[in-house]
Amino acid sequence: MSESTVPEVLALISESPLDAHAIEDFVAAPANGALVAFRGIVRDHDHGEAVDALDYRAHPDAQRFLEDCCRTVAAETGLRVAAAHRVGSLVVGDLALVAAVAAAHRAEAFAACERLVEEIKRTVPIWKRQHLADGETEWVGL
């Protein structure tokens, strides 16, 4: 697929709470019978340690990296894709990442969404500092 025919993408780094429905609505279209979204939610544990909260920090160019991820998957698949990542202080239960893809069929949508999330995790310079229940903190992804 040529660069000029790559579908429009949505990529957002935000300090505000994410609107998962808006991200999903961006990719929806009448021709799509499947919409797959991933919602990354702050959990209360990691590697056997209790987690109370997270601080997400992003490189100043993180928005561009996230856009690149979305454009890569859109170019590979011909599908509209969208992703948003939250930064700042989050607590257990907060939404940290939303990635969405819609396609005519479910297998295509599932594969593209998984590809998008893996690309984001691999290439977007966002790091998290975990606040553990024992009072310690640790950086993840540095």
Protein backbone atom coordinates (compact mmCIF):
# COMPACT_ATOMS: atom_id res chain seq x y z
CA MET A 1 0.00 0.00 0.00
CA SER A 2 1.46 3.35 -0.96
CA GLU A 3 1.95 6.17 1.55
CA SER A 4 -0.76 8.23 -0.16
CA THR A 5 -3.38 5.51 0.43
CA VAL A 6 -2.57 4.87 4.09
CA PRO A 7 -5.78 5.37 6.07
CA GLU A 8 -6.04 8.25 8.52
CA VAL A 9 -4.81 7.46 12.03
CA LEU A 10 -5.40 8.89 15.48
CA ALA A 11 -2.55 9.03 18.01
CA LEU A 12 -2.67 10.88 21.30
CA ILE A 13 -0.47 11.26 24.37
CA SER A 14 -2.55 12.84 27.13
CA GLU A 15 -2.32 13.94 30.76
CA SER A 16 -6.14 13.85 30.89
CA PRO A 17 -8.24 10.71 31.35
CA LEU A 18 -8.66 8.79 28.10
CA ASP A 19 -12.01 8.51 26.33
CA ALA A 20 -12.02 4.92 25.08
CA HIS A 21 -15.30 5.37 23.25
CA ALA A 22 -13.92 8.30 21.22
CA ILE A 23 -10.87 6.21 20.24
CA GLU A 24 -13.12 3.31 19.19
CA ASP A 25 -15.53 5.62 17.34
CA PHE A 26 -12.62 6.94 15.27
CA VAL A 27 -12.03 3.54 13.66
CA ALA A 28 -15.67 2.51 13.29
CA ALA A 29 -17.27 2.53 9.83
CA PRO A 30 -20.33 0.91 8.20
CA ALA A 31 -18.11 -1.49 6.22
CA ASN A 32 -16.52 -2.86 9.40
CA GLY A 33 -18.08 -5.87 11.04
CA ALA A 34 -15.42 -6.11 13.74
CA LEU A 35 -13.97 -3.56 16.11
CA VAL A 36 -11.22 -4.75 18.44
CA ALA A 37 -9.94 -2.52 21.22
CA PHE A 38 -7.33 -3.06 23.86
CA ARG A 39 -7.68 -1.16 27.13
CA GLY A 40 -4.60 -1.21 29.33
CA ILE A 41 -5.69 -0.64 32.91
CA VAL A 42 -3.45 0.01 35.92
CA ARG A 43 -3.46 -3.18 37.98
CA ASP A 44 -2.71 -3.70 41.65
CA HIS A 45 0.32 -5.96 41.19
CA ASP A 46 3.39 -6.61 39.05
CA HIS A 47 5.76 -9.58 39.26
CA GLY A 48 4.38 -10.61 42.64
CA GLU A 49 4.62 -7.13 44.16
CA ALA A 50 1.60 -5.09 45.27
CA VAL A 51 1.28 -1.82 43.32
CA ASP A 52 -0.57 1.24 44.64
CA ALA A 53 -0.05 3.73 41.79
CA LEU A 54 2.00 4.53 38.68
CA ASP A 55 3.64 7.61 37.23
CA TYR A 56 3.94 7.49 33.44
CA ARG A 57 6.57 9.74 31.85
CA ALA A 58 7.03 10.25 28.12
CA HIS A 59 9.92 11.41 25.98
CA PRO A 60 9.11 14.79 24.33
CA ASP A 61 8.84 12.99 20.96
CA ALA A 62 6.54 10.21 22.24
CA GLN A 63 3.59 11.60 20.26
CA ARG A 64 5.55 11.23 17.01
CA PHE A 65 6.58 7.68 17.92
CA LEU A 66 2.96 6.78 18.67
CA GLU A 67 1.84 8.28 15.35
CA ASP A 68 4.55 6.26 13.60
CA CYS A 69 3.23 3.06 15.21
CA CYS A 70 -0.29 3.82 14.06
CA ARG A 71 0.86 4.70 10.53
CA THR A 72 2.95 1.52 10.31
CA VAL A 73 0.01 -0.72 11.20
CA ALA A 74 -2.35 1.27 8.97
CA ALA A 75 0.08 0.95 6.04
CA GLU A 76 0.53 -2.79 6.62
CA THR A 77 -3.17 -3.53 6.94
CA GLY A 78 -5.03 -0.81 5.06
CA LEU A 79 -7.14 -0.26 8.19
CA ARG A 80 -7.86 2.83 10.28
CA VAL A 81 -6.13 2.54 13.63
CA ALA A 82 -6.16 4.68 16.75
CA ALA A 83 -4.20 4.74 19.98
CA ALA A 84 -3.97 6.95 23.05
CA HIS A 85 -1.60 6.68 26.01
CA ARG A 86 -2.00 8.49 29.28
CA VAL A 87 0.92 10.09 31.12
CA GLY A 88 1.15 11.51 34.61
CA SER A 89 0.03 10.02 37.92
CA LEU A 90 -2.44 7.13 37.69
CA VAL A 91 -3.99 4.88 40.32
CA VAL A 92 -5.19 1.29 40.22
CA GLY A 93 -8.15 1.04 37.83
CA ASP A 94 -7.17 4.03 35.66
CA LEU A 95 -7.01 3.62 31.90
CA ALA A 96 -3.41 3.92 30.68
CA LEU A 97 -3.63 2.82 27.02
CA VAL A 98 -6.36 2.44 24.43
CA ALA A 99 -5.63 0.90 21.03
CA ALA A 100 -8.39 0.25 18.50
CA VAL A 101 -8.72 -1.21 15.01
CA ALA A 102 -11.79 -1.99 12.94
CA ALA A 103 -12.00 -4.31 9.94
CA ALA A 104 -14.53 -6.19 7.88
CA HIS A 105 -13.78 -9.42 9.75
CA ARG A 106 -12.72 -10.27 13.31
CA ALA A 107 -9.49 -12.16 12.58
CA GLU A 108 -8.10 -9.19 10.68
CA ALA A 109 -9.13 -6.77 13.43
CA PHE A 110 -7.68 -8.93 16.24
CA ALA A 111 -4.37 -9.38 14.41
CA ALA A 112 -4.02 -5.68 13.63
CA CYS A 113 -4.85 -4.60 17.18
CA GLU A 114 -2.33 -7.03 18.64
CA ARG A 115 0.29 -5.77 16.16
CA LEU A 116 -0.47 -2.19 17.16
CA VAL A 117 -0.15 -2.82 20.90
CA GLU A 118 3.11 -4.75 20.44
CA GLU A 119 4.55 -1.96 18.27
CA ILE A 120 3.58 0.66 20.87
CA LYS A 121 5.18 -1.33 23.70
CA ARG A 122 8.33 -1.91 21.62
CA THR A 123 8.93 1.59 20.23
CA VAL A 124 7.13 4.39 22.07
CA PRO A 125 9.40 6.00 24.72
CA ILE A 126 7.06 5.96 27.71
CA TRP A 127 8.28 4.74 31.07
CA LYS A 128 6.46 4.00 34.29
CA ARG A 129 7.47 4.41 37.89
CA GLN A 130 5.59 1.95 40.05
CA HIS A 131 4.71 2.88 43.62
CA LEU A 132 4.76 -0.38 45.54
CA ALA A 133 2.64 -1.07 48.62
CA ASP A 134 5.78 -1.45 50.76
CA GLY A 135 6.74 2.18 50.05
CA GLU A 136 9.44 1.38 47.48
CA THR A 137 9.36 2.61 43.89
CA GLU A 138 10.77 1.12 40.71
CA TRP A 139 11.10 2.29 37.11
CA VAL A 140 9.91 -0.04 34.36
CA GLY A 141 10.86 0.24 30.69
CA LEU A 142 14.03 2.31 31.07
